[in-house]
Amino acid sequence: MQVAIFQFSLFGINTYVVFDPATDKCAIIDPGMVNVREQDAIRKFIEAKTLEVTHIINTHLHVDHSIGNTWAVKTFGAPVLAHKDDEFLGRSLATQATAFGVPGEVNNVNIDHYLTEGEKIHIGEGTLEVLHVPGHSPGSVVLYDRQDGFIIAGDVLFSGSVGRADLPGGNMHRLIDGITNKLLTLPDSTIVYPGHGPATTIGREKRSNPYLA
């Protein structure tokens, strides 16, 4: 599968469109668009590629990663997938927005399908495997394309850093344990597409990430 990256204004969130060019099916991952310009960027890309959105996936349900869910659901009519342990965050999205000073009306997120460890999400002929890696939030998941050698890491792992664990439900010990046992065991060549900032690789983070020494 192929990955298109969109960086949006709210906390520099990376929103991804993962698509299978053989079937023109795609998933929108972590919709972070907050205005018409950002919405148009996603919509025009999907229209230009004549893609069909089959899934809207949240790696977790902090406001910056899910504020665009309502628009995405209304526009593309696809189901929302997220882990059940983050449902309390989806139900408090408007409260999160207020706490972080996000302007405008923000709607809570309803999960249509609960993701579970080891589950395989089929996008056309491609597959994303669900890895549950709590610690940044209780329901944080990483999406692994084993065939194409990449992960969509949400706020679990970054280039040179890891997710913060001081938000509700966070736990640094669980986060580091999950990264160590589920992510650092992947091939070194695996590309890491994080929720913020530039892409990296598992090998690079094993060698130089100060939080994983």
N, C-alpha and C. Protein backbone atom coordinates (compact mmCIF):
# COMPACT_ATOMS: atom_id res chain seq x y z
N MET A 1 0.84 -1.19 0.00
CA MET A 1 0.00 0.00 0.00
C MET A 1 0.87 1.24 0.00
N GLN A 2 0.28 2.35 -0.33
CA GLN A 2 0.97 3.62 -0.37
C GLN A 2 0.43 4.55 0.72
N VAL A 3 1.26 5.51 1.11
CA VAL A 3 0.91 6.40 2.21
C VAL A 3 1.02 7.85 1.76
N ALA A 4 -0.05 8.62 1.93
CA ALA A 4 -0.03 10.06 1.69
C ALA A 4 -0.10 10.76 3.04
N ILE A 5 0.76 11.77 3.23
CA ILE A 5 0.89 12.45 4.51
C ILE A 5 0.37 13.88 4.39
N PHE A 6 -0.46 14.27 5.35
CA PHE A 6 -0.98 15.63 5.42
C PHE A 6 -0.67 16.17 6.81
N GLN A 7 0.01 17.30 6.89
CA GLN A 7 0.28 17.92 8.18
C GLN A 7 -0.66 19.09 8.38
N PHE A 8 -1.43 19.01 9.45
CA PHE A 8 -2.44 20.02 9.70
C PHE A 8 -2.07 20.88 10.91
N SER A 9 -2.79 21.99 11.03
CA SER A 9 -2.35 23.08 11.91
C SER A 9 -2.47 22.77 13.39
N LEU A 10 -3.42 21.94 13.78
CA LEU A 10 -3.66 21.72 15.19
C LEU A 10 -2.55 20.83 15.77
N PHE A 11 -1.61 21.44 16.48
CA PHE A 11 -0.47 20.74 17.09
C PHE A 11 0.40 20.03 16.05
N GLY A 12 0.37 20.46 14.81
CA GLY A 12 1.19 19.84 13.78
C GLY A 12 0.88 18.36 13.59
N ILE A 13 -0.39 18.03 13.60
CA ILE A 13 -0.82 16.63 13.50
C ILE A 13 -0.57 16.08 12.10
N ASN A 14 -0.08 14.86 12.03
CA ASN A 14 0.02 14.14 10.77
C ASN A 14 -1.22 13.29 10.56
N THR A 15 -1.96 13.60 9.52
CA THR A 15 -3.09 12.76 9.09
C THR A 15 -2.62 11.97 7.88
N TYR A 16 -3.01 10.70 7.82
CA TYR A 16 -2.55 9.82 6.75
C TYR A 16 -3.73 9.28 5.94
N VAL A 17 -3.50 9.17 4.64
CA VAL A 17 -4.39 8.38 3.78
C VAL A 17 -3.56 7.20 3.28
N VAL A 18 -3.94 6.02 3.70
CA VAL A 18 -3.27 4.79 3.27
C VAL A 18 -4.15 4.15 2.21
N PHE A 19 -3.58 3.90 1.03
CA PHE A 19 -4.43 3.43 -0.06
C PHE A 19 -3.78 2.30 -0.84
N ASP A 20 -4.64 1.46 -1.40
CA ASP A 20 -4.22 0.34 -2.24
C ASP A 20 -4.45 0.73 -3.69
N PRO A 21 -3.41 1.03 -4.46
CA PRO A 21 -3.60 1.48 -5.84
C PRO A 21 -4.19 0.42 -6.75
N ALA A 22 -4.15 -0.84 -6.35
CA ALA A 22 -4.70 -1.91 -7.18
C ALA A 22 -6.23 -1.91 -7.16
N THR A 23 -6.81 -1.44 -6.06
CA THR A 23 -8.28 -1.48 -5.92
C THR A 23 -8.89 -0.11 -5.67
N ASP A 24 -8.05 0.92 -5.44
CA ASP A 24 -8.51 2.28 -5.14
C ASP A 24 -9.31 2.37 -3.85
N LYS A 25 -9.03 1.46 -2.90
CA LYS A 25 -9.62 1.55 -1.56
C LYS A 25 -8.64 2.28 -0.66
N CYS A 26 -9.16 2.99 0.33
CA CYS A 26 -8.27 3.72 1.23
C CYS A 26 -8.87 3.86 2.62
N ALA A 27 -7.99 4.20 3.56
CA ALA A 27 -8.40 4.56 4.92
C ALA A 27 -7.82 5.92 5.27
N ILE A 28 -8.61 6.72 5.96
CA ILE A 28 -8.11 7.97 6.54
C ILE A 28 -7.75 7.66 7.98
N ILE A 29 -6.51 7.99 8.37
CA ILE A 29 -6.04 7.68 9.71
C ILE A 29 -5.74 8.97 10.46
N ASP A 30 -6.38 9.12 11.62
CA ASP A 30 -6.23 10.28 12.49
C ASP A 30 -6.61 11.58 11.80
N PRO A 31 -7.90 11.77 11.51
CA PRO A 31 -8.35 13.01 10.85
C PRO A 31 -8.14 14.22 11.76
N GLY A 32 -7.22 15.10 11.36
CA GLY A 32 -6.91 16.26 12.19
C GLY A 32 -7.24 17.59 11.56
N MET A 33 -8.10 17.58 10.54
CA MET A 33 -8.39 18.83 9.84
C MET A 33 -9.39 19.67 10.64
N VAL A 34 -9.12 20.99 10.67
CA VAL A 34 -9.93 21.88 11.49
C VAL A 34 -10.56 23.02 10.71
N ASN A 35 -10.28 23.11 9.41
CA ASN A 35 -10.86 24.19 8.62
C ASN A 35 -11.10 23.71 7.19
N VAL A 36 -11.74 24.55 6.40
CA VAL A 36 -12.11 24.17 5.04
C VAL A 36 -10.88 23.88 4.18
N ARG A 37 -9.84 24.67 4.36
CA ARG A 37 -8.62 24.44 3.56
C ARG A 37 -8.05 23.04 3.81
N GLU A 38 -8.01 22.63 5.07
CA GLU A 38 -7.47 21.31 5.40
C GLU A 38 -8.42 20.20 4.94
N GLN A 39 -9.70 20.43 5.09
CA GLN A 39 -10.68 19.45 4.60
C GLN A 39 -10.56 19.28 3.09
N ASP A 40 -10.40 20.39 2.39
CA ASP A 40 -10.28 20.33 0.93
C ASP A 40 -9.03 19.57 0.50
N ALA A 41 -7.95 19.68 1.28
CA ALA A 41 -6.71 18.97 0.93
C ALA A 41 -6.94 17.46 0.89
N ILE A 42 -7.66 16.94 1.88
CA ILE A 42 -7.98 15.51 1.91
C ILE A 42 -8.97 15.16 0.81
N ARG A 43 -10.03 15.93 0.71
CA ARG A 43 -11.08 15.62 -0.26
C ARG A 43 -10.55 15.63 -1.68
N LYS A 44 -9.76 16.66 -2.03
CA LYS A 44 -9.25 16.77 -3.39
C LYS A 44 -8.26 15.64 -3.72
N PHE A 45 -7.46 15.24 -2.74
CA PHE A 45 -6.55 14.12 -2.97
C PHE A 45 -7.33 12.84 -3.26
N ILE A 46 -8.34 12.58 -2.45
CA ILE A 46 -9.13 11.36 -2.62
C ILE A 46 -9.89 11.39 -3.94
N GLU A 47 -10.42 12.54 -4.30
CA GLU A 47 -11.13 12.65 -5.58
C GLU A 47 -10.18 12.51 -6.76
N ALA A 48 -9.01 13.12 -6.67
CA ALA A 48 -8.05 13.05 -7.78
C ALA A 48 -7.56 11.63 -8.02
N LYS A 49 -7.45 10.86 -6.94
CA LYS A 49 -7.01 9.46 -7.05
C LYS A 49 -8.18 8.51 -7.27
N THR A 50 -9.42 9.06 -7.31
CA THR A 50 -10.66 8.27 -7.41
C THR A 50 -10.67 7.14 -6.39
N LEU A 51 -10.38 7.50 -5.14
CA LEU A 51 -10.33 6.51 -4.07
C LEU A 51 -11.69 6.38 -3.39
N GLU A 52 -11.93 5.21 -2.82
CA GLU A 52 -13.10 4.96 -1.98
C GLU A 52 -12.63 4.79 -0.54
N VAL A 53 -13.16 5.63 0.35
CA VAL A 53 -12.79 5.54 1.77
C VAL A 53 -13.60 4.42 2.42
N THR A 54 -12.90 3.39 2.87
CA THR A 54 -13.58 2.25 3.49
C THR A 54 -13.49 2.26 5.01
N HIS A 55 -12.52 3.01 5.56
CA HIS A 55 -12.35 3.07 7.01
C HIS A 55 -11.86 4.45 7.42
N ILE A 56 -12.31 4.90 8.58
CA ILE A 56 -11.73 6.05 9.27
C ILE A 56 -11.18 5.50 10.58
N ILE A 57 -9.86 5.56 10.72
CA ILE A 57 -9.20 4.88 11.84
C ILE A 57 -8.53 5.92 12.73
N ASN A 58 -8.74 5.78 14.04
CA ASN A 58 -8.06 6.62 15.02
C ASN A 58 -7.05 5.77 15.78
N THR A 59 -5.77 6.17 15.72
CA THR A 59 -4.78 5.47 16.53
C THR A 59 -5.05 5.69 18.01
N HIS A 60 -5.65 6.81 18.34
CA HIS A 60 -6.12 7.11 19.69
C HIS A 60 -7.07 8.29 19.58
N LEU A 61 -7.70 8.65 20.69
CA LEU A 61 -8.78 9.63 20.59
C LEU A 61 -8.50 10.92 21.36
N HIS A 62 -7.25 11.36 21.33
CA HIS A 62 -6.98 12.73 21.75
C HIS A 62 -7.49 13.68 20.67
N VAL A 63 -7.83 14.90 21.08
CA VAL A 63 -8.57 15.81 20.21
C VAL A 63 -7.84 16.13 18.92
N ASP A 64 -6.51 16.26 18.96
CA ASP A 64 -5.80 16.63 17.74
C ASP A 64 -5.84 15.53 16.68
N HIS A 65 -6.03 14.29 17.11
CA HIS A 65 -6.05 13.16 16.18
C HIS A 65 -7.47 12.78 15.73
N SER A 66 -8.47 13.42 16.29
CA SER A 66 -9.83 13.01 15.96
C SER A 66 -10.80 14.16 15.76
N ILE A 67 -10.31 15.40 15.77
CA ILE A 67 -11.19 16.55 15.63
C ILE A 67 -11.87 16.58 14.26
N GLY A 68 -11.25 15.95 13.25
CA GLY A 68 -11.83 15.91 11.92
C GLY A 68 -12.73 14.71 11.66
N ASN A 69 -12.98 13.90 12.67
CA ASN A 69 -13.80 12.70 12.48
C ASN A 69 -15.19 13.01 11.96
N THR A 70 -15.84 13.99 12.58
CA THR A 70 -17.22 14.30 12.21
C THR A 70 -17.31 14.66 10.73
N TRP A 71 -16.41 15.51 10.27
CA TRP A 71 -16.42 15.90 8.85
C TRP A 71 -16.13 14.69 7.97
N ALA A 72 -15.16 13.87 8.34
CA ALA A 72 -14.79 12.72 7.52
C ALA A 72 -15.95 11.73 7.40
N VAL A 73 -16.62 11.48 8.50
CA VAL A 73 -17.77 10.57 8.47
C VAL A 73 -18.88 11.13 7.60
N LYS A 74 -19.18 12.40 7.78
CA LYS A 74 -20.24 13.04 6.99
C LYS A 74 -19.90 13.06 5.50
N THR A 75 -18.63 13.27 5.17
CA THR A 75 -18.21 13.41 3.78
C THR A 75 -18.09 12.08 3.07
N PHE A 76 -17.55 11.07 3.76
CA PHE A 76 -17.23 9.81 3.10
C PHE A 76 -18.09 8.62 3.55
N GLY A 77 -18.79 8.78 4.66
CA GLY A 77 -19.72 7.73 5.09
C GLY A 77 -19.09 6.43 5.53
N ALA A 78 -17.82 6.47 5.93
CA ALA A 78 -17.12 5.26 6.35
C ALA A 78 -17.21 5.09 7.86
N PRO A 79 -17.08 3.86 8.36
CA PRO A 79 -17.14 3.62 9.81
C PRO A 79 -15.88 4.08 10.52
N VAL A 80 -16.03 4.41 11.79
CA VAL A 80 -14.92 4.83 12.64
C VAL A 80 -14.41 3.63 13.43
N LEU A 81 -13.10 3.40 13.37
CA LEU A 81 -12.46 2.30 14.08
C LEU A 81 -11.50 2.87 15.11
N ALA A 82 -11.59 2.39 16.35
CA ALA A 82 -10.67 2.80 17.41
C ALA A 82 -10.76 1.75 18.52
N HIS A 83 -9.83 1.82 19.46
CA HIS A 83 -9.82 0.86 20.55
C HIS A 83 -10.83 1.27 21.62
N LYS A 84 -11.48 0.28 22.21
CA LYS A 84 -12.52 0.55 23.20
C LYS A 84 -11.98 1.30 24.42
N ASP A 85 -10.70 1.06 24.76
CA ASP A 85 -10.15 1.69 25.96
C ASP A 85 -10.00 3.20 25.81
N ASP A 86 -10.15 3.71 24.60
CA ASP A 86 -10.13 5.17 24.39
C ASP A 86 -11.52 5.75 24.21
N GLU A 87 -12.53 4.93 24.41
CA GLU A 87 -13.89 5.43 24.19
C GLU A 87 -14.21 6.61 25.10
N PHE A 88 -13.69 6.59 26.33
CA PHE A 88 -13.96 7.70 27.26
C PHE A 88 -13.38 9.01 26.73
N LEU A 89 -12.29 8.93 25.97
CA LEU A 89 -11.71 10.14 25.37
C LEU A 89 -12.58 10.64 24.22
N GLY A 90 -13.09 9.72 23.41
CA GLY A 90 -13.98 10.11 22.33
C GLY A 90 -15.23 10.78 22.83
N ARG A 91 -15.72 10.31 23.98
CA ARG A 91 -16.94 10.89 24.55
C ARG A 91 -16.69 12.23 25.22
N SER A 92 -15.43 12.58 25.41
CA SER A 92 -15.09 13.85 26.06
C SER A 92 -14.30 14.77 25.13
N LEU A 93 -14.48 14.59 23.83
CA LEU A 93 -13.69 15.37 22.88
C LEU A 93 -13.95 16.87 23.02
N ALA A 94 -15.20 17.24 23.22
CA ALA A 94 -15.51 18.66 23.39
C ALA A 94 -14.83 19.22 24.63
N THR A 95 -14.77 18.43 25.69
CA THR A 95 -14.09 18.85 26.92
C THR A 95 -12.59 18.98 26.68
N GLN A 96 -12.01 18.03 25.95
CA GLN A 96 -10.60 18.12 25.60
C GLN A 96 -10.31 19.41 24.83
N ALA A 97 -11.18 19.71 23.88
CA ALA A 97 -10.98 20.90 23.05
C ALA A 97 -10.95 22.16 23.90
N THR A 98 -11.85 22.23 24.86
CA THR A 98 -11.89 23.38 25.76
C THR A 98 -10.61 23.47 26.58
N ALA A 99 -10.15 22.33 27.08
CA ALA A 99 -8.95 22.30 27.92
C ALA A 99 -7.71 22.76 27.16
N PHE A 100 -7.65 22.45 25.85
CA PHE A 100 -6.49 22.82 25.05
C PHE A 100 -6.70 24.13 24.28
N GLY A 101 -7.82 24.80 24.54
CA GLY A 101 -8.06 26.09 23.91
C GLY A 101 -8.38 26.01 22.43
N VAL A 102 -8.96 24.90 22.00
CA VAL A 102 -9.31 24.73 20.59
C VAL A 102 -10.63 25.47 20.32
N PRO A 103 -10.64 26.42 19.40
CA PRO A 103 -11.86 27.21 19.18
C PRO A 103 -12.90 26.45 18.37
N GLY A 104 -14.14 26.96 18.42
CA GLY A 104 -15.21 26.41 17.59
C GLY A 104 -15.89 25.20 18.20
N GLU A 105 -16.91 24.73 17.52
CA GLU A 105 -17.68 23.58 17.99
C GLU A 105 -16.94 22.29 17.66
N VAL A 106 -16.80 21.44 18.66
CA VAL A 106 -16.14 20.15 18.50
C VAL A 106 -17.10 19.06 18.95
N ASN A 107 -17.35 18.09 18.08
CA ASN A 107 -18.27 17.01 18.39
C ASN A 107 -17.54 15.80 18.95
N ASN A 108 -18.18 15.11 19.87
CA ASN A 108 -17.62 13.87 20.40
C ASN A 108 -17.57 12.80 19.31
N VAL A 109 -16.74 11.78 19.52
CA VAL A 109 -16.54 10.71 18.54
C VAL A 109 -17.27 9.46 18.97
N ASN A 110 -18.00 8.87 18.06
CA ASN A 110 -18.63 7.57 18.27
C ASN A 110 -17.84 6.50 17.52
N ILE A 111 -17.48 5.43 18.21
CA ILE A 111 -16.73 4.34 17.60
C ILE A 111 -17.72 3.33 17.03
N ASP A 112 -17.57 3.02 15.74
CA ASP A 112 -18.43 2.03 15.11
C ASP A 112 -17.90 0.61 15.26
N HIS A 113 -16.58 0.49 15.36
CA HIS A 113 -15.96 -0.83 15.48
C HIS A 113 -14.77 -0.74 16.41
N TYR A 114 -14.74 -1.61 17.43
CA TYR A 114 -13.64 -1.61 18.38
C TYR A 114 -12.47 -2.43 17.84
N LEU A 115 -11.29 -1.82 17.78
CA LEU A 115 -10.10 -2.52 17.34
C LEU A 115 -9.53 -3.37 18.48
N THR A 116 -8.98 -4.53 18.12
CA THR A 116 -8.39 -5.42 19.10
C THR A 116 -7.00 -5.86 18.65
N GLU A 117 -6.18 -6.24 19.60
CA GLU A 117 -4.82 -6.69 19.34
C GLU A 117 -4.80 -7.83 18.31
N GLY A 118 -3.98 -7.66 17.30
CA GLY A 118 -3.82 -8.69 16.29
C GLY A 118 -4.85 -8.66 15.17
N GLU A 119 -5.85 -7.81 15.30
CA GLU A 119 -6.88 -7.72 14.26
C GLU A 119 -6.26 -7.23 12.95
N LYS A 120 -6.79 -7.73 11.85
CA LYS A 120 -6.31 -7.32 10.53
C LYS A 120 -7.39 -6.50 9.83
N ILE A 121 -7.03 -5.29 9.45
CA ILE A 121 -7.94 -4.39 8.73
C ILE A 121 -7.59 -4.49 7.25
N HIS A 122 -8.54 -4.88 6.44
CA HIS A 122 -8.29 -5.06 5.01
C HIS A 122 -8.69 -3.81 4.25
N ILE A 123 -7.73 -3.25 3.53
CA ILE A 123 -7.96 -2.08 2.68
C ILE A 123 -7.66 -2.52 1.26
N GLY A 124 -8.68 -2.86 0.53
CA GLY A 124 -8.48 -3.48 -0.78
C GLY A 124 -7.70 -4.77 -0.60
N GLU A 125 -6.57 -4.88 -1.29
CA GLU A 125 -5.73 -6.06 -1.17
C GLU A 125 -4.65 -5.90 -0.10
N GLY A 126 -4.62 -4.75 0.56
CA GLY A 126 -3.63 -4.51 1.61
C GLY A 126 -4.20 -4.80 2.98
N THR A 127 -3.30 -4.92 3.95
CA THR A 127 -3.69 -5.25 5.32
C THR A 127 -2.91 -4.42 6.32
N LEU A 128 -3.62 -3.87 7.29
CA LEU A 128 -3.02 -3.22 8.45
C LEU A 128 -3.31 -4.08 9.67
N GLU A 129 -2.27 -4.45 10.38
CA GLU A 129 -2.41 -5.26 11.58
C GLU A 129 -2.40 -4.35 12.81
N VAL A 130 -3.30 -4.61 13.74
CA VAL A 130 -3.45 -3.77 14.92
C VAL A 130 -2.52 -4.25 16.03
N LEU A 131 -1.68 -3.33 16.52
CA LEU A 131 -0.84 -3.58 17.69
C LEU A 131 -1.30 -2.64 18.80
N HIS A 132 -1.80 -3.19 19.89
CA HIS A 132 -2.26 -2.35 21.00
C HIS A 132 -1.04 -2.00 21.85
N VAL A 133 -0.72 -0.69 21.89
CA VAL A 133 0.45 -0.21 22.64
C VAL A 133 0.00 0.92 23.55
N PRO A 134 -0.59 0.58 24.70
CA PRO A 134 -1.07 1.63 25.61
C PRO A 134 0.07 2.34 26.31
N GLY A 135 -0.28 3.46 26.92
CA GLY A 135 0.70 4.23 27.68
C GLY A 135 0.59 5.71 27.41
N HIS A 136 0.49 6.09 26.12
CA HIS A 136 0.18 7.48 25.79
C HIS A 136 -1.29 7.72 26.10
N SER A 137 -2.12 6.78 25.71
CA SER A 137 -3.51 6.69 26.13
C SER A 137 -3.79 5.21 26.32
N PRO A 138 -4.85 4.85 27.04
CA PRO A 138 -5.12 3.43 27.29
C PRO A 138 -5.39 2.63 26.02
N GLY A 139 -5.96 3.29 25.01
CA GLY A 139 -6.33 2.57 23.80
C GLY A 139 -5.45 2.85 22.60
N SER A 140 -4.28 3.38 22.80
CA SER A 140 -3.40 3.69 21.67
C SER A 140 -3.06 2.42 20.88
N VAL A 141 -3.19 2.52 19.56
CA VAL A 141 -2.82 1.41 18.69
C VAL A 141 -1.82 1.89 17.65
N VAL A 142 -1.02 0.93 17.18
CA VAL A 142 -0.11 1.14 16.06
C VAL A 142 -0.58 0.23 14.94
N LEU A 143 -0.56 0.72 13.70
CA LEU A 143 -1.07 -0.01 12.55
C LEU A 143 0.11 -0.45 11.70
N TYR A 144 0.24 -1.77 11.50
CA TYR A 144 1.43 -2.34 10.88
C TYR A 144 1.10 -2.95 9.53
N ASP A 145 1.72 -2.43 8.49
CA ASP A 145 1.65 -3.04 7.16
C ASP A 145 2.88 -3.93 7.01
N ARG A 146 2.69 -5.19 7.30
CA ARG A 146 3.81 -6.13 7.30
C ARG A 146 4.40 -6.30 5.90
N GLN A 147 3.53 -6.33 4.89
CA GLN A 147 4.00 -6.56 3.53
C GLN A 147 4.84 -5.40 3.01
N ASP A 148 4.41 -4.18 3.29
CA ASP A 148 5.10 -3.01 2.75
C ASP A 148 6.09 -2.40 3.72
N GLY A 149 6.14 -2.93 4.94
CA GLY A 149 7.20 -2.54 5.85
C GLY A 149 7.07 -1.17 6.47
N PHE A 150 5.87 -0.82 6.95
CA PHE A 150 5.72 0.46 7.65
C PHE A 150 4.70 0.34 8.77
N ILE A 151 4.81 1.25 9.71
CA ILE A 151 3.80 1.38 10.76
C ILE A 151 3.29 2.82 10.81
N ILE A 152 2.00 2.96 11.12
CA ILE A 152 1.42 4.25 11.49
C ILE A 152 1.38 4.24 13.00
N ALA A 153 2.21 5.07 13.63
CA ALA A 153 2.50 4.91 15.05
C ALA A 153 1.69 5.80 15.97
N GLY A 154 0.88 6.70 15.43
CA GLY A 154 0.16 7.62 16.30
C GLY A 154 1.14 8.38 17.18
N ASP A 155 0.80 8.51 18.47
CA ASP A 155 1.68 9.22 19.40
C ASP A 155 2.44 8.26 20.29
N VAL A 156 2.66 7.04 19.82
CA VAL A 156 3.43 6.06 20.59
C VAL A 156 4.92 6.30 20.43
N LEU A 157 5.38 6.42 19.18
CA LEU A 157 6.81 6.52 18.90
C LEU A 157 7.06 7.61 17.87
N PHE A 158 8.06 8.46 18.16
CA PHE A 158 8.45 9.55 17.26
C PHE A 158 9.93 9.41 16.90
N SER A 159 10.35 10.23 15.98
CA SER A 159 11.77 10.33 15.69
C SER A 159 12.48 10.96 16.88
N GLY A 160 13.25 10.16 17.61
CA GLY A 160 13.99 10.66 18.75
C GLY A 160 13.21 10.85 20.02
N SER A 161 11.97 10.37 20.06
CA SER A 161 11.16 10.58 21.25
C SER A 161 10.06 9.51 21.33
N VAL A 162 9.27 9.60 22.39
CA VAL A 162 8.10 8.74 22.57
C VAL A 162 6.94 9.61 23.03
N GLY A 163 5.76 9.04 23.07
CA GLY A 163 4.59 9.80 23.47
C GLY A 163 4.64 10.22 24.93
N ARG A 164 3.99 11.33 25.23
CA ARG A 164 3.88 11.78 26.62
C ARG A 164 2.92 10.86 27.36
N ALA A 165 3.12 10.76 28.66
CA ALA A 165 2.30 9.85 29.46
C ALA A 165 1.61 10.56 30.62
N ASP A 166 1.52 11.89 30.54
CA ASP A 166 0.97 12.66 31.65
C ASP A 166 -0.47 13.10 31.41
N LEU A 167 -1.10 12.57 30.36
CA LEU A 167 -2.50 12.87 30.10
C LEU A 167 -3.36 11.76 30.70
N PRO A 168 -4.68 11.96 30.83
CA PRO A 168 -5.53 10.96 31.49
C PRO A 168 -5.36 9.56 30.89
N GLY A 169 -5.09 8.60 31.76
CA GLY A 169 -4.91 7.22 31.33
C GLY A 169 -3.51 6.90 30.87
N GLY A 170 -2.58 7.86 30.91
CA GLY A 170 -1.22 7.62 30.46
C GLY A 170 -0.41 6.84 31.48
N ASN A 171 0.61 6.13 30.98
CA ASN A 171 1.47 5.34 31.85
C ASN A 171 2.79 5.09 31.12
N MET A 172 3.86 5.74 31.57
CA MET A 172 5.13 5.65 30.85
C MET A 172 5.70 4.23 30.88
N HIS A 173 5.56 3.53 31.98
CA HIS A 173 6.09 2.16 32.05
C HIS A 173 5.42 1.27 31.00
N ARG A 174 4.11 1.36 30.89
CA ARG A 174 3.40 0.55 29.89
C ARG A 174 3.80 0.96 28.47
N LEU A 175 4.00 2.25 28.27
CA LEU A 175 4.37 2.74 26.95
C LEU A 175 5.72 2.18 26.51
N ILE A 176 6.73 2.31 27.37
CA ILE A 176 8.07 1.83 27.02
C ILE A 176 8.07 0.32 26.87
N ASP A 177 7.34 -0.37 27.71
CA ASP A 177 7.25 -1.83 27.62
C ASP A 177 6.63 -2.24 26.28
N GLY A 178 5.57 -1.56 25.88
CA GLY A 178 4.91 -1.89 24.62
C GLY A 178 5.80 -1.59 23.42
N ILE A 179 6.49 -0.45 23.45
CA ILE A 179 7.40 -0.11 22.35
C ILE A 179 8.50 -1.16 22.25
N THR A 180 9.06 -1.52 23.40
CA THR A 180 10.18 -2.47 23.42
C THR A 180 9.77 -3.84 22.89
N ASN A 181 8.61 -4.31 23.32
CA ASN A 181 8.21 -5.69 23.01
C ASN A 181 7.43 -5.84 21.71
N LYS A 182 6.80 -4.77 21.25
CA LYS A 182 5.98 -4.89 20.04
C LYS A 182 6.53 -4.14 18.83
N LEU A 183 7.27 -3.07 19.06
CA LEU A 183 7.76 -2.27 17.94
C LEU A 183 9.24 -2.49 17.65
N LEU A 184 10.06 -2.50 18.68
CA LEU A 184 11.49 -2.67 18.44
C LEU A 184 11.85 -4.08 17.99
N THR A 185 10.89 -4.99 18.05
CA THR A 185 11.10 -6.35 17.53
C THR A 185 10.79 -6.45 16.04
N LEU A 186 10.26 -5.38 15.45
CA LEU A 186 10.00 -5.36 14.01
C LEU A 186 11.33 -5.19 13.26
N PRO A 187 11.36 -5.51 11.96
CA PRO A 187 12.60 -5.33 11.20
C PRO A 187 13.11 -3.89 11.27
N ASP A 188 14.44 -3.75 11.34
CA ASP A 188 15.05 -2.42 11.44
C ASP A 188 14.64 -1.50 10.30
N SER A 189 14.34 -2.08 9.15
CA SER A 189 13.99 -1.26 7.97
C SER A 189 12.57 -0.73 8.01
N THR A 190 11.77 -1.15 8.99
CA THR A 190 10.38 -0.72 9.07
C THR A 190 10.29 0.80 9.21
N ILE A 191 9.55 1.43 8.30
CA ILE A 191 9.35 2.88 8.36
C ILE A 191 8.33 3.20 9.43
N VAL A 192 8.61 4.22 10.22
CA VAL A 192 7.71 4.68 11.27
C VAL A 192 7.11 6.01 10.84
N TYR A 193 5.79 6.03 10.64
CA TYR A 193 5.08 7.27 10.35
C TYR A 193 4.39 7.72 11.64
N PRO A 194 4.92 8.74 12.31
CA PRO A 194 4.39 9.14 13.61
C PRO A 194 3.23 10.12 13.51
N GLY A 195 2.61 10.37 14.65
CA GLY A 195 1.50 11.32 14.70
C GLY A 195 1.92 12.76 14.55
N HIS A 196 3.18 13.06 14.82
CA HIS A 196 3.74 14.40 14.68
C HIS A 196 5.18 14.26 14.21
N GLY A 197 5.63 15.19 13.41
CA GLY A 197 7.03 15.22 13.02
C GLY A 197 7.38 14.27 11.88
N PRO A 198 8.68 14.15 11.59
CA PRO A 198 9.12 13.40 10.41
C PRO A 198 9.09 11.89 10.63
N ALA A 199 9.09 11.18 9.52
CA ALA A 199 9.19 9.72 9.57
C ALA A 199 10.58 9.30 10.01
N THR A 200 10.67 8.08 10.52
CA THR A 200 11.93 7.50 10.94
C THR A 200 11.89 6.01 10.63
N THR A 201 12.80 5.25 11.20
CA THR A 201 12.77 3.79 11.05
C THR A 201 12.96 3.15 12.41
N ILE A 202 12.55 1.90 12.52
CA ILE A 202 12.74 1.17 13.76
C ILE A 202 14.23 1.06 14.08
N GLY A 203 15.06 0.78 13.08
CA GLY A 203 16.49 0.66 13.32
C GLY A 203 17.09 1.93 13.88
N ARG A 204 16.70 3.06 13.34
CA ARG A 204 17.22 4.35 13.81
C ARG A 204 16.84 4.60 15.26
N GLU A 205 15.58 4.28 15.60
CA GLU A 205 15.12 4.52 16.97
C GLU A 205 15.80 3.55 17.95
N LYS A 206 16.05 2.34 17.53
CA LYS A 206 16.78 1.40 18.38
C LYS A 206 18.18 1.91 18.69
N ARG A 207 18.80 2.54 17.73
CA ARG A 207 20.19 3.00 17.88
C ARG A 207 20.29 4.31 18.63
N SER A 208 19.33 5.22 18.47
CA SER A 208 19.58 6.59 18.91
C SER A 208 18.48 7.24 19.73
N ASN A 209 17.34 6.59 19.93
CA ASN A 209 16.26 7.23 20.68
C ASN A 209 16.64 7.22 22.17
N PRO A 210 16.80 8.41 22.78
CA PRO A 210 17.28 8.45 24.17
C PRO A 210 16.29 7.86 25.18
N TYR A 211 15.02 7.78 24.81
CA TYR A 211 14.02 7.23 25.73
C TYR A 211 14.01 5.70 25.73
N LEU A 212 14.73 5.11 24.78
CA LEU A 212 14.71 3.65 24.63
C LEU A 212 16.07 3.03 24.92
N ALA A 213 16.97 3.82 25.49
CA ALA A 213 18.31 3.32 25.77
C ALA A 213 18.30 2.30 26.90
